N, C-alpha and C. Protein backbone atom coordinates (compact mmCIF):
# COMPACT_ATOMS: atom_id res chain seq x y z
N MET A 1 89.05 158.93 220.83
CA MET A 1 88.38 157.93 221.55
C MET A 1 89.08 156.54 221.19
N PRO A 2 89.21 155.62 222.20
CA PRO A 2 89.89 154.41 221.97
C PRO A 2 89.27 153.57 220.84
N LEU A 3 90.13 152.87 220.00
CA LEU A 3 89.72 151.99 218.99
C LEU A 3 89.90 150.49 219.36
N TYR A 4 89.08 149.76 218.79
CA TYR A 4 88.98 148.32 219.01
C TYR A 4 88.71 147.59 217.72
N ILE A 5 89.31 146.39 217.59
CA ILE A 5 89.07 145.48 216.49
C ILE A 5 88.19 144.32 216.97
N LEU A 6 87.16 144.11 216.34
CA LEU A 6 86.24 143.02 216.68
C LEU A 6 86.36 141.92 215.62
N LEU A 7 86.79 140.82 215.92
CA LEU A 7 86.81 139.75 214.95
C LEU A 7 85.51 138.78 215.30
N SER A 8 84.68 138.67 214.37
CA SER A 8 83.45 137.99 214.59
C SER A 8 83.30 136.76 213.80
N LYS A 9 82.75 135.76 214.41
CA LYS A 9 82.50 134.43 213.64
C LYS A 9 81.07 134.00 213.98
N LEU A 10 80.31 133.81 212.98
CA LEU A 10 78.85 133.46 213.05
C LEU A 10 78.70 132.04 213.63
N THR A 11 77.69 131.85 214.43
CA THR A 11 77.31 130.55 214.81
C THR A 11 76.32 130.05 213.70
N ASP A 12 76.00 128.83 213.78
CA ASP A 12 75.05 128.31 212.83
C ASP A 12 73.73 129.16 212.86
N THR A 13 73.20 129.54 214.11
CA THR A 13 72.03 130.35 214.28
C THR A 13 72.21 131.71 213.61
N GLY A 14 73.39 132.34 213.78
CA GLY A 14 73.70 133.47 213.30
C GLY A 14 73.74 133.54 211.74
N ALA A 15 74.30 132.47 211.15
CA ALA A 15 74.37 132.36 209.67
C ALA A 15 72.96 132.22 209.08
N ALA A 16 72.12 131.45 209.78
CA ALA A 16 70.69 131.32 209.31
C ALA A 16 69.93 132.71 209.42
N ALA A 17 70.26 133.37 210.43
CA ALA A 17 69.57 134.69 210.62
C ALA A 17 70.01 135.69 209.46
N ILE A 18 71.23 135.72 209.17
CA ILE A 18 71.62 136.74 208.13
C ILE A 18 71.34 136.24 206.67
N LYS A 19 71.13 134.91 206.62
CA LYS A 19 70.75 134.37 205.30
C LYS A 19 69.33 134.75 205.10
N GLU A 20 68.44 134.71 206.10
CA GLU A 20 67.07 135.12 205.99
C GLU A 20 66.89 136.60 205.92
N LYS A 21 67.73 137.41 206.60
CA LYS A 21 67.56 138.81 206.53
C LYS A 21 68.99 139.46 206.68
N PRO A 22 69.61 139.58 205.51
CA PRO A 22 70.95 140.22 205.43
C PRO A 22 71.10 141.61 206.12
N SER A 23 70.04 142.39 206.07
CA SER A 23 70.13 143.68 206.62
C SER A 23 70.21 143.69 208.13
N ARG A 24 70.06 142.57 208.75
CA ARG A 24 70.23 142.44 210.21
C ARG A 24 71.60 142.88 210.62
N ILE A 25 72.56 142.75 209.82
CA ILE A 25 73.94 143.13 210.12
C ILE A 25 73.94 144.66 210.35
N LEU A 26 73.31 145.41 209.55
CA LEU A 26 73.24 146.82 209.73
C LEU A 26 72.50 147.22 210.91
N GLU A 27 71.40 146.52 211.20
CA GLU A 27 70.62 146.76 212.45
C GLU A 27 71.47 146.62 213.71
N VAL A 28 72.39 145.66 213.69
CA VAL A 28 73.26 145.36 214.87
C VAL A 28 74.21 146.62 215.11
N ASN A 29 74.64 147.25 213.95
CA ASN A 29 75.49 148.43 214.13
C ASN A 29 74.76 149.45 214.85
N LYS A 30 73.45 149.64 214.66
CA LYS A 30 72.71 150.64 215.46
C LYS A 30 72.55 150.20 216.82
N GLU A 31 72.52 148.94 217.18
CA GLU A 31 72.41 148.47 218.57
C GLU A 31 73.72 148.75 219.20
N ILE A 32 74.84 148.62 218.46
CA ILE A 32 76.20 148.86 219.06
C ILE A 32 76.24 150.33 219.38
N GLU A 33 75.73 151.26 218.58
CA GLU A 33 75.67 152.61 218.92
C GLU A 33 74.85 152.91 220.20
N ALA A 34 73.72 152.18 220.35
CA ALA A 34 72.97 152.28 221.52
C ALA A 34 73.57 151.91 222.82
N LEU A 35 74.60 150.99 222.69
CA LEU A 35 75.45 150.60 223.78
C LEU A 35 76.65 151.52 224.12
N GLY A 36 76.75 152.54 223.32
CA GLY A 36 77.81 153.50 223.61
C GLY A 36 79.09 153.48 222.72
N ALA A 37 79.08 152.59 221.65
CA ALA A 37 80.26 152.43 220.80
C ALA A 37 79.74 152.85 219.33
N ARG A 38 80.70 152.97 218.33
CA ARG A 38 80.35 153.30 217.04
C ARG A 38 81.28 152.49 216.12
N VAL A 39 80.62 151.84 215.13
CA VAL A 39 81.31 151.17 214.12
C VAL A 39 81.84 152.15 213.06
N LEU A 40 83.20 152.17 212.88
CA LEU A 40 83.90 152.97 211.91
C LEU A 40 84.07 152.32 210.63
N ALA A 41 84.35 151.09 210.59
CA ALA A 41 84.50 150.34 209.42
C ALA A 41 84.09 148.80 209.60
N GLN A 42 83.55 148.26 208.60
CA GLN A 42 83.10 146.82 208.75
C GLN A 42 83.36 146.16 207.45
N TYR A 43 83.93 144.88 207.64
CA TYR A 43 84.22 144.05 206.46
C TYR A 43 83.76 142.73 206.62
N ALA A 44 83.09 142.18 205.54
CA ALA A 44 82.85 140.65 205.56
C ALA A 44 84.17 140.05 205.04
N THR A 45 84.59 138.99 205.66
CA THR A 45 85.84 138.31 205.23
C THR A 45 85.66 136.86 204.97
N LEU A 46 86.58 136.31 204.23
CA LEU A 46 86.53 134.86 203.94
C LEU A 46 87.72 134.27 204.81
N GLY A 47 87.48 133.17 205.46
CA GLY A 47 88.47 132.52 206.30
C GLY A 47 88.09 132.22 207.60
N GLU A 48 88.94 132.43 208.57
CA GLU A 48 88.70 132.00 209.97
C GLU A 48 87.60 132.81 210.63
N VAL A 49 87.44 134.07 210.23
CA VAL A 49 86.39 134.91 210.87
C VAL A 49 85.50 135.43 209.69
N ASP A 50 84.27 135.82 210.07
CA ASP A 50 83.38 136.17 209.11
C ASP A 50 83.30 137.83 208.90
N PHE A 51 83.54 138.43 209.99
CA PHE A 51 83.48 139.89 209.89
C PHE A 51 84.66 140.51 210.68
N VAL A 52 85.19 141.60 210.26
CA VAL A 52 86.18 142.36 210.98
C VAL A 52 85.60 143.81 211.10
N ASN A 53 85.44 144.33 212.35
CA ASN A 53 84.87 145.56 212.58
C ASN A 53 85.86 146.51 213.26
N ILE A 54 86.01 147.75 212.95
CA ILE A 54 86.82 148.74 213.56
C ILE A 54 85.81 149.53 214.35
N VAL A 55 85.93 149.58 215.62
CA VAL A 55 84.91 150.22 216.47
C VAL A 55 85.63 151.21 217.40
N GLU A 56 84.97 152.31 217.72
CA GLU A 56 85.45 153.24 218.72
C GLU A 56 84.44 153.15 219.92
N ALA A 57 84.98 153.23 221.13
CA ALA A 57 84.27 153.08 222.37
C ALA A 57 84.97 153.98 223.40
N PRO A 58 84.20 154.53 224.39
CA PRO A 58 84.88 155.38 225.38
C PRO A 58 85.93 154.68 226.18
N ASP A 59 85.85 153.43 226.44
CA ASP A 59 86.76 152.61 227.27
C ASP A 59 86.51 151.18 227.21
N ASN A 60 87.34 150.36 227.91
CA ASN A 60 87.28 148.89 227.81
C ASN A 60 85.91 148.46 228.39
N VAL A 61 85.35 149.13 229.36
CA VAL A 61 84.12 148.71 229.89
C VAL A 61 82.98 148.81 228.84
N ALA A 62 83.02 149.80 228.09
CA ALA A 62 82.02 150.01 227.07
C ALA A 62 82.12 148.93 225.92
N ILE A 63 83.37 148.69 225.56
CA ILE A 63 83.42 147.69 224.46
C ILE A 63 83.15 146.26 225.10
N ALA A 64 83.51 145.94 226.30
CA ALA A 64 83.11 144.80 226.89
C ALA A 64 81.61 144.59 226.96
N ARG A 65 80.96 145.66 227.29
CA ARG A 65 79.44 145.59 227.24
C ARG A 65 78.89 145.29 225.82
N VAL A 66 79.50 145.79 224.80
CA VAL A 66 79.08 145.39 223.49
C VAL A 66 79.33 143.94 223.19
N ALA A 67 80.61 143.50 223.45
CA ALA A 67 80.92 142.14 223.23
C ALA A 67 80.03 141.12 223.98
N VAL A 68 79.79 141.45 225.28
CA VAL A 68 78.93 140.54 226.09
C VAL A 68 77.52 140.59 225.56
N ASP A 69 76.97 141.74 225.25
CA ASP A 69 75.63 141.74 224.76
C ASP A 69 75.45 141.02 223.54
N LEU A 70 76.32 141.24 222.47
CA LEU A 70 76.15 140.56 221.23
C LEU A 70 76.46 139.08 221.34
N GLY A 71 77.51 138.80 222.08
CA GLY A 71 77.86 137.38 222.25
C GLY A 71 76.80 136.49 223.06
N SER A 72 76.04 137.20 223.92
CA SER A 72 75.01 136.45 224.67
C SER A 72 73.76 136.04 223.85
N ARG A 73 73.71 136.53 222.63
CA ARG A 73 72.52 136.25 221.80
C ARG A 73 72.65 134.80 221.16
N GLY A 74 73.92 134.34 221.12
CA GLY A 74 74.11 132.96 220.60
C GLY A 74 74.28 132.94 219.09
N THR A 75 74.39 134.13 218.47
CA THR A 75 74.45 134.23 216.99
C THR A 75 75.89 134.45 216.47
N ILE A 76 76.74 134.81 217.38
CA ILE A 76 78.10 135.29 217.06
C ILE A 76 79.11 135.02 218.12
N ARG A 77 80.33 134.73 217.80
CA ARG A 77 81.46 134.68 218.78
C ARG A 77 82.35 135.88 218.41
N ILE A 78 82.81 136.56 219.41
CA ILE A 78 83.65 137.83 219.22
C ILE A 78 84.91 137.73 219.94
N GLN A 79 86.00 138.13 219.21
CA GLN A 79 87.21 138.35 219.84
C GLN A 79 87.48 139.88 219.70
N THR A 80 87.81 140.52 220.84
CA THR A 80 87.97 141.89 220.90
C THR A 80 89.39 142.30 221.14
N MET A 81 89.97 143.16 220.44
CA MET A 81 91.39 143.63 220.61
C MET A 81 91.45 145.16 220.68
N ALA A 82 92.14 145.65 221.62
CA ALA A 82 92.42 147.11 221.60
C ALA A 82 93.31 147.35 220.50
N ALA A 83 93.12 148.66 219.86
CA ALA A 83 94.05 149.01 218.70
C ALA A 83 94.43 150.46 218.93
N MET A 84 95.59 150.76 218.34
CA MET A 84 96.19 152.09 218.50
C MET A 84 96.75 152.52 217.07
N PRO A 85 96.53 153.64 216.63
CA PRO A 85 96.99 154.12 215.38
C PRO A 85 98.54 154.06 215.42
N ILE A 86 99.11 153.65 214.44
CA ILE A 86 100.59 153.45 214.44
C ILE A 86 101.41 154.68 214.78
N GLU A 87 100.84 155.84 214.26
CA GLU A 87 101.54 157.16 214.65
C GLU A 87 101.55 157.43 216.17
N GLU A 88 100.43 157.06 216.81
CA GLU A 88 100.36 157.27 218.25
C GLU A 88 101.27 156.30 218.91
N PHE A 89 101.33 155.10 218.43
CA PHE A 89 102.16 154.17 218.98
C PHE A 89 103.66 154.50 218.99
N VAL A 90 104.02 155.02 217.75
CA VAL A 90 105.50 155.41 217.55
C VAL A 90 105.76 156.59 218.47
N ALA A 91 104.85 157.53 218.47
CA ALA A 91 104.97 158.77 219.37
C ALA A 91 105.18 158.44 220.78
N GLU A 92 104.38 157.41 221.24
CA GLU A 92 104.43 157.01 222.68
C GLU A 92 105.79 156.36 222.92
N LEU A 93 106.40 155.80 221.94
CA LEU A 93 107.75 155.05 222.25
C LEU A 93 108.88 156.05 221.91
N ASN A 94 108.54 157.26 221.59
CA ASN A 94 109.56 158.32 221.31
C ASN A 94 110.43 158.01 220.15
N PHE A 95 109.88 157.28 219.20
CA PHE A 95 110.64 156.98 217.94
C PHE A 95 110.20 158.02 216.92
N LYS A 96 111.03 158.20 215.94
CA LYS A 96 110.70 159.15 214.77
C LYS A 96 110.81 158.34 213.51
N TYR A 97 109.88 158.77 212.64
CA TYR A 97 110.01 158.22 211.30
C TYR A 97 111.31 158.67 210.60
N MET A 98 111.87 157.79 209.85
CA MET A 98 113.07 158.22 209.06
C MET A 98 112.82 158.72 207.76
């Protein structure tokens, strides 16, 4: 299944929401599953973005649905990137590891 990296930055409203209820982050993961995708890994980060998520979804439409749904709430801004395992990338380019 295709992989995607979601870089997420909280809005002021989102930061207040998770300060009040940190477990809300895990609830959102269940909502992502209800939208047809699945969080494989999730990291809280320091710096330009607040969270990095590795997500699998059936296709670009499904991940777009996730990003639009979550982004429309006004609690988070999301940058979505398609990702490919490096082995698959190399194989597609017909390169071999030395």
